[in-house]
C-alpha cells in the first residue's frame, strides 16, 4: 500500500479521484496545516463542504 501524506483537492474532479484512489479509506482534513490563518481555513472548509463533500460516497 502506498501512503500519500498530503494532496491538493480541486473541485470538481476531486470526488472521483478520491473514490478511485481511496475506496473504503479515510479522508482527513487538516485546514490549519502550514500555519494557514483560521479565517482562510474556514473558507476552505466551507468550500470543501459545498463543492466536494456532496460528491463523496457516504458509508
Protein backbone atom coordinates (compact mmCIF):
# COMPACT_ATOMS: atom_id res chain seq x y z
CA UNK A 1 0.00 0.00 0.00
CA UNK A 2 1.32 3.43 -0.94
CA UNK A 3 0.93 6.12 1.70
CA UNK A 4 0.20 9.60 0.43
CA UNK A 5 0.55 12.12 3.23
CA UNK A 6 -0.98 15.12 1.51
CA UNK A 7 -2.53 16.06 -1.79
CA UNK A 8 -4.32 19.02 -3.19
CA UNK A 9 -8.06 18.80 -3.68
CA UNK A 10 -9.57 20.66 -6.59
CA UNK A 11 -13.25 20.51 -7.37
CA UNK A 12 -14.97 19.03 -9.37
CA UNK A 13 -12.69 16.07 -10.17
CA UNK A 14 -11.56 15.58 -6.60
CA UNK A 15 -14.54 13.43 -5.64
CA UNK A 16 -13.97 10.97 -8.46
CA UNK A 17 -10.22 10.97 -7.88
CA UNK A 18 -10.63 10.25 -4.18
CA UNK A 19 -13.14 7.43 -4.84
CA UNK A 20 -10.75 5.76 -7.28
CA UNK A 21 -7.62 6.06 -5.12
CA UNK A 22 -9.00 5.57 -1.65
CA UNK A 23 -12.07 3.38 -1.96
CA UNK A 24 -13.01 2.32 1.56
CA UNK A 25 -10.37 4.59 3.07
CA UNK A 26 -10.49 7.67 5.23
CA UNK A 27 -10.19 11.29 4.15
CA UNK A 28 -8.60 13.51 6.80
CA UNK A 29 -8.51 17.28 6.52
CA UNK A 30 -6.09 19.50 8.42
CA UNK A 31 -7.03 23.04 7.38
CA UNK A 32 -4.53 24.71 9.74
CA UNK A 33 -1.55 22.79 8.37
CA UNK A 34 1.37 25.02 7.50
CA UNK A 35 0.19 27.98 9.54
CA UNK A 36 -2.83 28.90 7.43
CA UNK A 37 -4.84 31.63 9.13
CA UNK A 38 -8.03 30.34 10.81
CA UNK A 39 -10.24 32.67 8.75
CA UNK A 40 -8.79 31.25 5.50
CA UNK A 41 -9.01 27.70 6.83
CA UNK A 42 -12.73 28.16 7.49
CA UNK A 43 -13.20 29.45 3.93
CA UNK A 44 -11.52 26.31 2.59
CA UNK A 45 -13.61 24.02 4.80
CA UNK A 46 -16.82 25.70 3.68
CA UNK A 47 -15.75 25.36 0.05
CA UNK A 48 -14.98 21.67 0.63
CA UNK A 49 -18.37 21.19 2.29
CA UNK A 50 -20.21 22.91 -0.56
CA UNK A 51 -18.30 21.71 -3.63
CA UNK A 52 -16.66 18.38 -2.76
CA UNK A 53 -18.44 16.63 0.09
CA UNK A 54 -21.69 16.12 -1.86
CA UNK A 55 -19.73 14.06 -4.44
CA UNK A 56 -18.11 11.67 -1.95
CA UNK A 57 -19.78 8.37 -1.08
CA UNK A 58 -21.29 8.05 2.39
CA UNK A 59 -20.54 4.85 4.29
